[in-house]
Amino acid sequence: MQPRMHHGGSTIAGVALGILMLETRFPRVLGDIGNARTWPFPVLFKVVRGASVQRVTQEKAAGLLDAFAEATDELVRDGAAGITTSCGFLSLFQRPLAERCGVPMAVSSLIQIPFVERLIPPGKRVGVLTFSSDSLTRDHFESVGVRPDVPFVGVRRDSQFFRVILDGGLEADPAVLRDDVLEAADRLVAANRDLGAIVLECTNMAPYAADIRRRTGLPVFDIYNFICWFHAGLAPREFGREDGRW
C-alpha cells in the first residue's frame, strides 16, 4: 500500500471554516458566533475593520464589500475552505462575495429559510427574529432567494439587547438579554398564529435558541445549527476503514 503523504498549501492546517467578524466590543457569551468555545471544531476568525454594527445593520453595509472580499481572501489563504459571517444582515453580500472569492459562502442564517419551509407542514410559515426590524428589507431576503413576505419581528430598540450590540456596551445582564429576545419571540408568535418554525437572523440570538424553543414550542433554526451543517460539507466525517478498504 502506498504511504499516505502529507500536503501543505496554507499556513494553518486542520481548519475548514473562516468567520468574518464585525468590529465590535459587546460581550460574546457561549453560544455566540464570536466565542471560539461555541464551536465543536476549530475556526479561523477575521475582524473586518470599520464594519461596525451601525454601518452593517442600519446602513446596509454601504462601501464595505471590498473590505469583506479582502478579508475573505486572507482567510482562504490561511486555510479556510468556506466562509460565514457574524451578521445576518450581510445576506446582501452573499452573491458578490461568492462570485469574487470562489469558495462556498454561508453569509447569513436567512439562507436557511427556503429549506426550513419545506420541512414544516403545509399551511405553516417560517417567521424570523431579527436584531432590527426597522432595517431588515426586501433586499436582504431576495439576496438569498427568500420571498420578501416572510413575517419578522425585531427586539425593541430600547431593549438592553439592542442597545448593547448597537452601542458596543462592555457589560450586559444575560438574563435581561434572554428576556429581550423572548419578548420579541412572543410578539412574533402572537402576530402570526400560522408559524411552523422560527429562523434567527441575528447571530447573537443563538445562545437563546433553546429558550425560544421552550417558550414557543416551535423548531428554531439559527446560525449555530446552520454552520454546523455547512461545516459538515466542508470537512465530511471520515468513518473507519479496515485494511485500507471499506
C-alpha atoms as a PDB file:
ATOM      1  CA  MET A   1       0.000   0.000   0.000  1.00  0.00           C
ATOM      2  CA  GLN A   2       1.319   3.433  -0.914  1.00  0.00           C
ATOM      3  CA  PRO A   3       2.372   5.558   2.077  1.00  0.00           C
ATOM      4  CA  ARG A   4      -0.002   8.382   2.916  1.00  0.00           C
ATOM      5  CA  MET A   5       1.583  11.719   2.014  1.00  0.00           C
ATOM      6  CA  HIS A   6       1.256  14.952   3.934  1.00  0.00           C
ATOM      7  CA  HIS A   7       0.243  18.000   1.915  1.00  0.00           C
ATOM      8  CA  GLY A   8       0.757  21.718   2.505  1.00  0.00           C
ATOM      9  CA  GLY A   9      -0.523  24.817   0.759  1.00  0.00           C
ATOM     10  CA  SER A  10      -1.656  27.043   3.631  1.00  0.00           C
ATOM     11  CA  THR A  11      -0.168  28.387   6.831  1.00  0.00           C
ATOM     12  CA  ILE A  12      -2.742  26.758   9.134  1.00  0.00           C
ATOM     13  CA  ALA A  13      -3.892  23.137   8.957  1.00  0.00           C
ATOM     14  CA  GLY A  14      -6.890  21.318  10.418  1.00  0.00           C
ATOM     15  CA  VAL A  15      -9.423  24.113   9.952  1.00  0.00           C
ATOM     16  CA  ALA A  16     -12.119  24.390   7.282  1.00  0.00           C
ATOM     17  CA  LEU A  17     -14.301  27.328   8.366  1.00  0.00           C
ATOM     18  CA  GLY A  18     -13.493  31.032   8.348  1.00  0.00           C
ATOM     19  CA  ILE A  19     -15.689  33.565  10.148  1.00  0.00           C
ATOM     20  CA  LEU A  20     -15.781  37.220   9.122  1.00  0.00           C
ATOM     21  CA  MET A  21     -16.444  39.288  12.242  1.00  0.00           C
ATOM     22  CA  LEU A  22     -17.847  42.780  12.550  1.00  0.00           C
ATOM     23  CA  GLU A  23     -15.679  45.130  14.589  1.00  0.00           C
ATOM     24  CA  THR A  24     -17.444  45.087  17.976  1.00  0.00           C
ATOM     25  CA  ARG A  25     -16.850  45.250  21.745  1.00  0.00           C
ATOM     26  CA  PHE A  26     -20.008  43.785  23.312  1.00  0.00           C
ATOM     27  CA  PRO A  27     -19.813  40.537  25.349  1.00  0.00           C
ATOM     28  CA  ARG A  28     -19.584  37.319  23.328  1.00  0.00           C
ATOM     29  CA  VAL A  29     -21.269  34.729  25.531  1.00  0.00           C
ATOM     30  CA  LEU A  30     -21.035  30.971  24.991  1.00  0.00           C
ATOM     31  CA  GLY A  31     -23.252  30.173  22.017  1.00  0.00           C
ATOM     32  CA  ASP A  32     -22.426  33.449  20.263  1.00  0.00           C
ATOM     33  CA  ILE A  33     -20.716  33.084  16.894  1.00  0.00           C
ATOM     34  CA  GLY A  34     -17.777  35.177  18.103  1.00  0.00           C
ATOM     35  CA  ASN A  35     -16.984  32.958  21.088  1.00  0.00           C
ATOM     36  CA  ALA A  36     -14.451  30.352  19.922  1.00  0.00           C
ATOM     37  CA  ARG A  37     -15.691  27.913  22.588  1.00  0.00           C
ATOM     38  CA  THR A  38     -19.098  27.834  20.876  1.00  0.00           C
ATOM     39  CA  TRP A  39     -17.804  25.667  18.059  1.00  0.00           C
ATOM     40  CA  PRO A  40     -17.195  21.889  18.202  1.00  0.00           C
ATOM     41  CA  PHE A  41     -14.482  22.302  15.546  1.00  0.00           C
ATOM     42  CA  PRO A  42     -11.631  24.789  15.041  1.00  0.00           C
ATOM     43  CA  VAL A  43     -12.428  28.030  13.201  1.00  0.00           C
ATOM     44  CA  LEU A  44     -10.473  30.971  11.813  1.00  0.00           C
ATOM     45  CA  PHE A  45     -11.676  34.446  12.788  1.00  0.00           C
ATOM     46  CA  LYS A  46     -11.007  37.634  10.826  1.00  0.00           C
ATOM     47  CA  VAL A  47     -12.216  41.036  12.030  1.00  0.00           C
ATOM     48  CA  VAL A  48     -13.264  43.367   9.211  1.00  0.00           C
ATOM     49  CA  ARG A  49     -12.072  46.735  10.451  1.00  0.00           C
ATOM     50  CA  GLY A  50     -14.595  49.509  10.049  1.00  0.00           C
ATOM     51  CA  ALA A  51     -17.529  47.096   9.781  1.00  0.00           C
ATOM     52  CA  SER A  52     -19.476  48.371  12.774  1.00  0.00           C
ATOM     53  CA  VAL A  53     -22.919  47.139  13.772  1.00  0.00           C
ATOM     54  CA  GLN A  54     -24.296  50.573  12.917  1.00  0.00           C
ATOM     55  CA  ARG A  55     -22.817  50.526   9.446  1.00  0.00           C
ATOM     56  CA  VAL A  56     -23.839  46.957   8.610  1.00  0.00           C
ATOM     57  CA  THR A  57     -27.323  46.803  10.114  1.00  0.00           C
ATOM     58  CA  GLN A  58     -28.518  50.379   9.852  1.00  0.00           C
ATOM     59  CA  GLU A  59     -26.698  51.467   6.672  1.00  0.00           C
ATOM     60  CA  LYS A  60     -26.882  48.245   4.584  1.00  0.00           C
ATOM     61  CA  ALA A  61     -23.094  47.733   4.778  1.00  0.00           C
ATOM     62  CA  ALA A  62     -22.573  50.546   2.289  1.00  0.00           C
ATOM     63  CA  GLY A  63     -18.994  50.710   0.986  1.00  0.00           C
ATOM     64  CA  LEU A  64     -17.844  47.553   2.785  1.00  0.00           C
ATOM     65  CA  LEU A  65     -17.912  44.915   0.042  1.00  0.00           C
ATOM     66  CA  ASP A  66     -14.244  45.308  -0.855  1.00  0.00           C
ATOM     67  CA  ALA A  67     -13.198  45.046   2.794  1.00  0.00           C
ATOM     68  CA  PHE A  68     -15.174  41.825   3.233  1.00  0.00           C
ATOM     69  CA  ALA A  69     -13.798  40.378  -0.012  1.00  0.00           C
ATOM     70  CA  GLU A  70     -10.210  41.142   1.027  1.00  0.00           C
ATOM     71  CA  ALA A  71     -10.789  39.592   4.458  1.00  0.00           C
ATOM     72  CA  THR A  72     -12.273  36.505   2.803  1.00  0.00           C
ATOM     73  CA  ASP A  73      -9.200  36.163   0.601  1.00  0.00           C
ATOM     74  CA  GLU A  74      -6.983  36.277   3.696  1.00  0.00           C
ATOM     75  CA  LEU A  75      -8.981  33.540   5.418  1.00  0.00           C
ATOM     76  CA  VAL A  76      -8.809  31.348   2.324  1.00  0.00           C
ATOM     77  CA  ARG A  77      -5.044  31.833   2.044  1.00  0.00           C
ATOM     78  CA  ASP A  78      -4.743  30.824   5.695  1.00  0.00           C
ATOM     79  CA  GLY A  79      -6.638  27.574   5.164  1.00  0.00           C
ATOM     80  CA  ALA A  80     -10.405  28.239   5.238  1.00  0.00           C
ATOM     81  CA  ALA A  81     -12.406  26.216   2.712  1.00  0.00           C
ATOM     82  CA  GLY A  82     -15.687  28.041   3.370  1.00  0.00           C
ATOM     83  CA  ILE A  83     -16.774  31.341   4.910  1.00  0.00           C
ATOM     84  CA  THR A  84     -19.554  32.637   7.124  1.00  0.00           C
ATOM     85  CA  THR A  85     -20.105  35.996   8.846  1.00  0.00           C
ATOM     86  CA  SER A  86     -21.194  37.278  12.225  1.00  0.00           C
ATOM     87  CA  CYS A  87     -24.228  39.233  10.989  1.00  0.00           C
ATOM     88  CA  GLY A  88     -27.335  38.060   9.148  1.00  0.00           C
ATOM     89  CA  PHE A  89     -27.721  41.473   7.502  1.00  0.00           C
ATOM     90  CA  LEU A  90     -24.737  40.593   5.319  1.00  0.00           C
ATOM     91  CA  SER A  91     -27.102  38.492   3.210  1.00  0.00           C
ATOM     92  CA  LEU A  92     -26.709  41.406   0.797  1.00  0.00           C
ATOM     93  CA  PHE A  93     -23.156  40.185   0.116  1.00  0.00           C
ATOM     94  CA  GLN A  94     -23.969  36.503  -0.481  1.00  0.00           C
ATOM     95  CA  ARG A  95     -23.724  36.548  -4.255  1.00  0.00           C
ATOM     96  CA  PRO A  96     -20.966  39.161  -4.755  1.00  0.00           C
ATOM     97  CA  LEU A  97     -18.680  37.510  -2.205  1.00  0.00           C
ATOM     98  CA  ALA A  98     -19.235  34.040  -3.656  1.00  0.00           C
ATOM     99  CA  GLU A  99     -18.504  35.366  -7.138  1.00  0.00           C
ATOM    100  CA  ARG A 100     -15.366  37.268  -6.148  1.00  0.00           C
ATOM    101  CA  CYS A 101     -13.823  34.836  -3.688  1.00  0.00           C
ATOM    102  CA  GLY A 102     -14.508  31.474  -5.292  1.00  0.00           C
ATOM    103  CA  VAL A 103     -15.232  29.465  -2.129  1.00  0.00           C
ATOM    104  CA  PRO A 104     -18.540  28.340  -0.578  1.00  0.00           C
ATOM    105  CA  MET A 105     -20.160  31.216   1.320  1.00  0.00           C
ATOM    106  CA  ALA A 106     -22.851  30.992   4.006  1.00  0.00           C
ATOM    107  CA  VAL A 107     -23.018  34.636   4.967  1.00  0.00           C
ATOM    108  CA  SER A 108     -26.408  34.703   6.701  1.00  0.00           C
ATOM    109  CA  SER A 109     -28.748  32.479   8.683  1.00  0.00           C
ATOM    110  CA  LEU A 110     -31.525  33.748   6.390  1.00  0.00           C
ATOM    111  CA  ILE A 111     -30.261  31.368   3.684  1.00  0.00           C
ATOM    112  CA  GLN A 112     -31.979  28.542   5.604  1.00  0.00           C
ATOM    113  CA  ILE A 113     -35.500  29.842   5.125  1.00  0.00           C
ATOM    114  CA  PRO A 114     -36.460  28.087   1.842  1.00  0.00           C
ATOM    115  CA  PHE A 115     -35.153  24.776   3.178  1.00  0.00           C
ATOM    116  CA  VAL A 116     -36.969  25.155   6.507  1.00  0.00           C
ATOM    117  CA  GLU A 117     -40.174  25.989   4.632  1.00  0.00           C
ATOM    118  CA  ARG A 118     -40.003  22.541   3.054  1.00  0.00           C
ATOM    119  CA  LEU A 119     -39.651  20.854   6.422  1.00  0.00           C
ATOM    120  CA  ILE A 120     -42.772  22.212   8.061  1.00  0.00           C
ATOM    121  CA  PRO A 121     -46.399  21.112   7.444  1.00  0.00           C
ATOM    122  CA  PRO A 122     -48.393  22.628   4.564  1.00  0.00           C
ATOM    123  CA  GLY A 123     -50.137  25.822   5.548  1.00  0.00           C
ATOM    124  CA  LYS A 124     -47.429  26.763   8.053  1.00  0.00           C
ATOM    125  CA  ARG A 125     -44.925  29.591   7.607  1.00  0.00           C
ATOM    126  CA  VAL A 126     -41.430  30.443   8.773  1.00  0.00           C
ATOM    127  CA  GLY A 127     -41.078  33.507  10.972  1.00  0.00           C
ATOM    128  CA  VAL A 128     -37.872  35.473  11.534  1.00  0.00           C
ATOM    129  CA  LEU A 129     -36.491  37.026  14.691  1.00  0.00           C
ATOM    130  CA  THR A 130     -34.139  39.859  13.791  1.00  0.00           C
ATOM    131  CA  PHE A 131     -31.885  42.335  15.528  1.00  0.00           C
ATOM    132  CA  SER A 132     -33.512  45.312  13.814  1.00  0.00           C
ATOM    133  CA  SER A 133     -36.928  45.090  12.184  1.00  0.00           C
ATOM    134  CA  ASP A 134     -36.610  48.707  11.018  1.00  0.00           C
ATOM    135  CA  SER A 135     -33.544  47.830   8.933  1.00  0.00           C
ATOM    136  CA  LEU A 136     -34.385  44.385   7.543  1.00  0.00           C
ATOM    137  CA  THR A 137     -35.560  44.943   3.985  1.00  0.00           C
ATOM    138  CA  ARG A 138     -36.867  43.164   0.915  1.00  0.00           C
ATOM    139  CA  ASP A 139     -33.306  43.258  -0.472  1.00  0.00           C
ATOM    140  CA  HIS A 140     -31.927  41.278   2.477  1.00  0.00           C
ATOM    141  CA  PHE A 141     -34.364  38.452   1.768  1.00  0.00           C
ATOM    142  CA  GLU A 142     -34.211  38.461  -2.023  1.00  0.00           C
ATOM    143  CA  SER A 143     -30.390  38.437  -1.994  1.00  0.00           C
ATOM    144  CA  VAL A 144     -30.508  34.881  -0.621  1.00  0.00           C
ATOM    145  CA  GLY A 145     -33.507  33.631  -2.593  1.00  0.00           C
ATOM    146  CA  VAL A 146     -36.164  34.231   0.058  1.00  0.00           C
ATOM    147  CA  ARG A 147     -39.625  35.613  -0.646  1.00  0.00           C
ATOM    148  CA  PRO A 148     -39.943  39.082   0.901  1.00  0.00           C
ATOM    149  CA  ASP A 149     -43.315  38.325   2.526  1.00  0.00           C
ATOM    150  CA  VAL A 150     -41.702  36.345   5.376  1.00  0.00           C
ATOM    151  CA  PRO A 151     -43.034  37.696   8.700  1.00  0.00           C
ATOM    152  CA  PHE A 152     -40.379  39.104  11.032  1.00  0.00           C
ATOM    153  CA  VAL A 153     -40.105  40.855  14.373  1.00  0.00           C
ATOM    154  CA  GLY A 154     -37.105  42.527  15.987  1.00  0.00           C
ATOM    155  CA  VAL A 155     -36.093  43.192  19.557  1.00  0.00           C
ATOM    156  CA  ARG A 156     -37.258  46.548  20.851  1.00  0.00           C
ATOM    157  CA  ARG A 157     -34.909  49.434  20.118  1.00  0.00           C
ATOM    158  CA  ASP A 158     -34.924  50.462  23.788  1.00  0.00           C
ATOM    159  CA  SER A 159     -34.016  46.942  24.952  1.00  0.00           C
ATOM    160  CA  GLN A 160     -30.651  46.100  26.500  1.00  0.00           C
ATOM    161  CA  PHE A 161     -30.059  43.557  23.733  1.00  0.00           C
ATOM    162  CA  PHE A 162     -30.386  46.218  21.027  1.00  0.00           C
ATOM    163  CA  ARG A 163     -28.515  48.991  22.810  1.00  0.00           C
ATOM    164  CA  VAL A 164     -25.557  46.873  23.983  1.00  0.00           C
ATOM    165  CA  ILE A 165     -24.956  45.493  20.496  1.00  0.00           C
ATOM    166  CA  LEU A 166     -25.513  48.736  18.580  1.00  0.00           C
ATOM    167  CA  ASP A 167     -23.605  50.953  21.007  1.00  0.00           C
ATOM    168  CA  GLY A 168     -20.853  48.477  21.839  1.00  0.00           C
ATOM    169  CA  GLY A 169     -21.572  48.176  25.547  1.00  0.00           C
ATOM    170  CA  LEU A 170     -18.954  46.294  27.543  1.00  0.00           C
ATOM    171  CA  GLU A 171     -21.361  44.761  30.061  1.00  0.00           C
ATOM    172  CA  ALA A 172     -24.727  43.038  29.780  1.00  0.00           C
ATOM    173  CA  ASP A 173     -27.020  41.037  32.038  1.00  0.00           C
ATOM    174  CA  PRO A 174     -27.511  37.621  30.367  1.00  0.00           C
ATOM    175  CA  ALA A 175     -30.949  37.191  31.932  1.00  0.00           C
ATOM    176  CA  VAL A 176     -32.079  40.546  30.522  1.00  0.00           C
ATOM    177  CA  LEU A 177     -30.680  39.720  27.072  1.00  0.00           C
ATOM    178  CA  ARG A 178     -32.592  36.432  27.095  1.00  0.00           C
ATOM    179  CA  ASP A 179     -35.808  38.121  28.188  1.00  0.00           C
ATOM    180  CA  ASP A 180     -35.443  40.765  25.456  1.00  0.00           C
ATOM    181  CA  VAL A 181     -35.218  38.041  22.816  1.00  0.00           C
ATOM    182  CA  LEU A 182     -38.104  36.047  24.321  1.00  0.00           C
ATOM    183  CA  GLU A 183     -40.288  39.155  24.354  1.00  0.00           C
ATOM    184  CA  ALA A 184     -39.665  39.556  20.616  1.00  0.00           C
ATOM    185  CA  ALA A 185     -40.469  35.871  20.078  1.00  0.00           C
ATOM    186  CA  ASP A 186     -43.757  36.322  21.927  1.00  0.00           C
ATOM    187  CA  ARG A 187     -44.712  39.194  19.622  1.00  0.00           C
ATOM    188  CA  LEU A 188     -43.739  37.218  16.513  1.00  0.00           C
ATOM    189  CA  VAL A 189     -45.907  34.244  17.502  1.00  0.00           C
ATOM    190  CA  ALA A 190     -48.834  36.395  18.664  1.00  0.00           C
ATOM    191  CA  ALA A 191     -48.920  38.227  15.333  1.00  0.00           C
ATOM    192  CA  ASN A 192     -48.549  35.073  13.219  1.00  0.00           C
ATOM    193  CA  ARG A 193     -50.575  32.139  14.500  1.00  0.00           C
ATOM    194  CA  ASP A 194     -49.673  30.037  11.454  1.00  0.00           C
ATOM    195  CA  LEU A 195     -45.945  29.732  12.200  1.00  0.00           C
ATOM    196  CA  GLY A 196     -44.337  26.318  11.847  1.00  0.00           C
ATOM    197  CA  ALA A 197     -40.740  27.325  12.642  1.00  0.00           C
ATOM    198  CA  ILE A 198     -38.550  30.279  13.581  1.00  0.00           C
ATOM    199  CA  VAL A 199     -35.265  31.347  11.965  1.00  0.00           C
ATOM    200  CA  LEU A 200     -32.967  33.651  13.921  1.00  0.00           C
ATOM    201  CA  GLU A 201     -31.398  36.255  11.654  1.00  0.00           C
ATOM    202  CA  CYS A 202     -29.227  37.611  14.431  1.00  0.00           C
ATOM    203  CA  THR A 203     -26.149  35.522  15.239  1.00  0.00           C
ATOM    204  CA  ASN A 204     -26.166  36.907  18.782  1.00  0.00           C
ATOM    205  CA  MET A 205     -29.531  35.245  19.455  1.00  0.00           C
ATOM    206  CA  ALA A 206     -28.174  31.705  19.125  1.00  0.00           C
ATOM    207  CA  PRO A 207     -27.437  31.397  22.878  1.00  0.00           C
ATOM    208  CA  TYR A 208     -31.193  31.731  23.499  1.00  0.00           C
ATOM    209  CA  ALA A 209     -32.449  29.312  20.819  1.00  0.00           C
ATOM    210  CA  ALA A 210     -33.328  26.622  23.369  1.00  0.00           C
ATOM    211  CA  ASP A 211     -35.242  29.196  25.445  1.00  0.00           C
ATOM    212  CA  ILE A 212     -37.193  30.278  22.360  1.00  0.00           C
ATOM    213  CA  ARG A 213     -37.992  26.652  21.554  1.00  0.00           C
ATOM    214  CA  ARG A 214     -39.319  26.061  25.078  1.00  0.00           C
ATOM    215  CA  ARG A 215     -41.280  29.312  25.066  1.00  0.00           C
ATOM    216  CA  THR A 216     -42.937  28.939  21.657  1.00  0.00           C
ATOM    217  CA  GLY A 217     -42.952  25.176  21.124  1.00  0.00           C
ATOM    218  CA  LEU A 218     -41.627  25.785  17.596  1.00  0.00           C
ATOM    219  CA  PRO A 219     -38.433  24.465  15.973  1.00  0.00           C
ATOM    220  CA  VAL A 220     -35.713  27.121  15.987  1.00  0.00           C
ATOM    221  CA  PHE A 221     -33.020  27.400  13.321  1.00  0.00           C
ATOM    222  CA  ASP A 222     -30.053  29.678  13.959  1.00  0.00           C
ATOM    223  CA  ILE A 223     -26.526  30.371  12.764  1.00  0.00           C
ATOM    224  CA  TYR A 224     -25.115  27.636  15.009  1.00  0.00           C
ATOM    225  CA  ASN A 225     -27.058  24.715  13.558  1.00  0.00           C
ATOM    226  CA  PHE A 226     -26.705  26.172  10.052  1.00  0.00           C
ATOM    227  CA  ILE A 227     -22.921  26.452  10.262  1.00  0.00           C
ATOM    228  CA  CYS A 228     -22.535  23.012  11.834  1.00  0.00           C
ATOM    229  CA  TRP A 229     -24.359  21.662   8.760  1.00  0.00           C
ATOM    230  CA  PHE A 230     -22.227  23.826   6.442  1.00  0.00           C
ATOM    231  CA  HIS A 231     -19.009  22.666   8.103  1.00  0.00           C
ATOM    232  CA  ALA A 232     -20.037  19.026   7.693  1.00  0.00           C
ATOM    233  CA  GLY A 233     -19.915  19.572   3.935  1.00  0.00           C
ATOM    234  CA  LEU A 234     -16.557  21.361   4.061  1.00  0.00           C
ATOM    235  CA  ALA A 235     -14.963  18.652   6.211  1.00  0.00           C
ATOM    236  CA  PRO A 236     -17.027  15.434   5.985  1.00  0.00           C
ATOM    237  CA  ARG A 237     -16.534  12.953   8.763  1.00  0.00           C
ATOM    238  CA  GLU A 238     -14.197  10.108   7.881  1.00  0.00           C
ATOM    239  CA  PHE A 239     -15.548   6.769   9.055  1.00  0.00           C
ATOM    240  CA  GLY A 240     -13.233   3.928   9.969  1.00  0.00           C
ATOM    241  CA  ARG A 241     -11.890   1.582   7.327  1.00  0.00           C
ATOM    242  CA  GLU A 242     -10.412  -1.873   7.684  1.00  0.00           C
ATOM    243  CA  ASP A 243      -7.136  -2.687   5.896  1.00  0.00           C
ATOM    244  CA  GLY A 244      -7.487   0.475   3.847  1.00  0.00           C
ATOM    245  CA  ARG A 245     -10.763  -0.730   2.332  1.00  0.00           C
ATOM    246  CA  TRP A 246     -14.431  -0.210   3.157  1.00  0.00           C
END
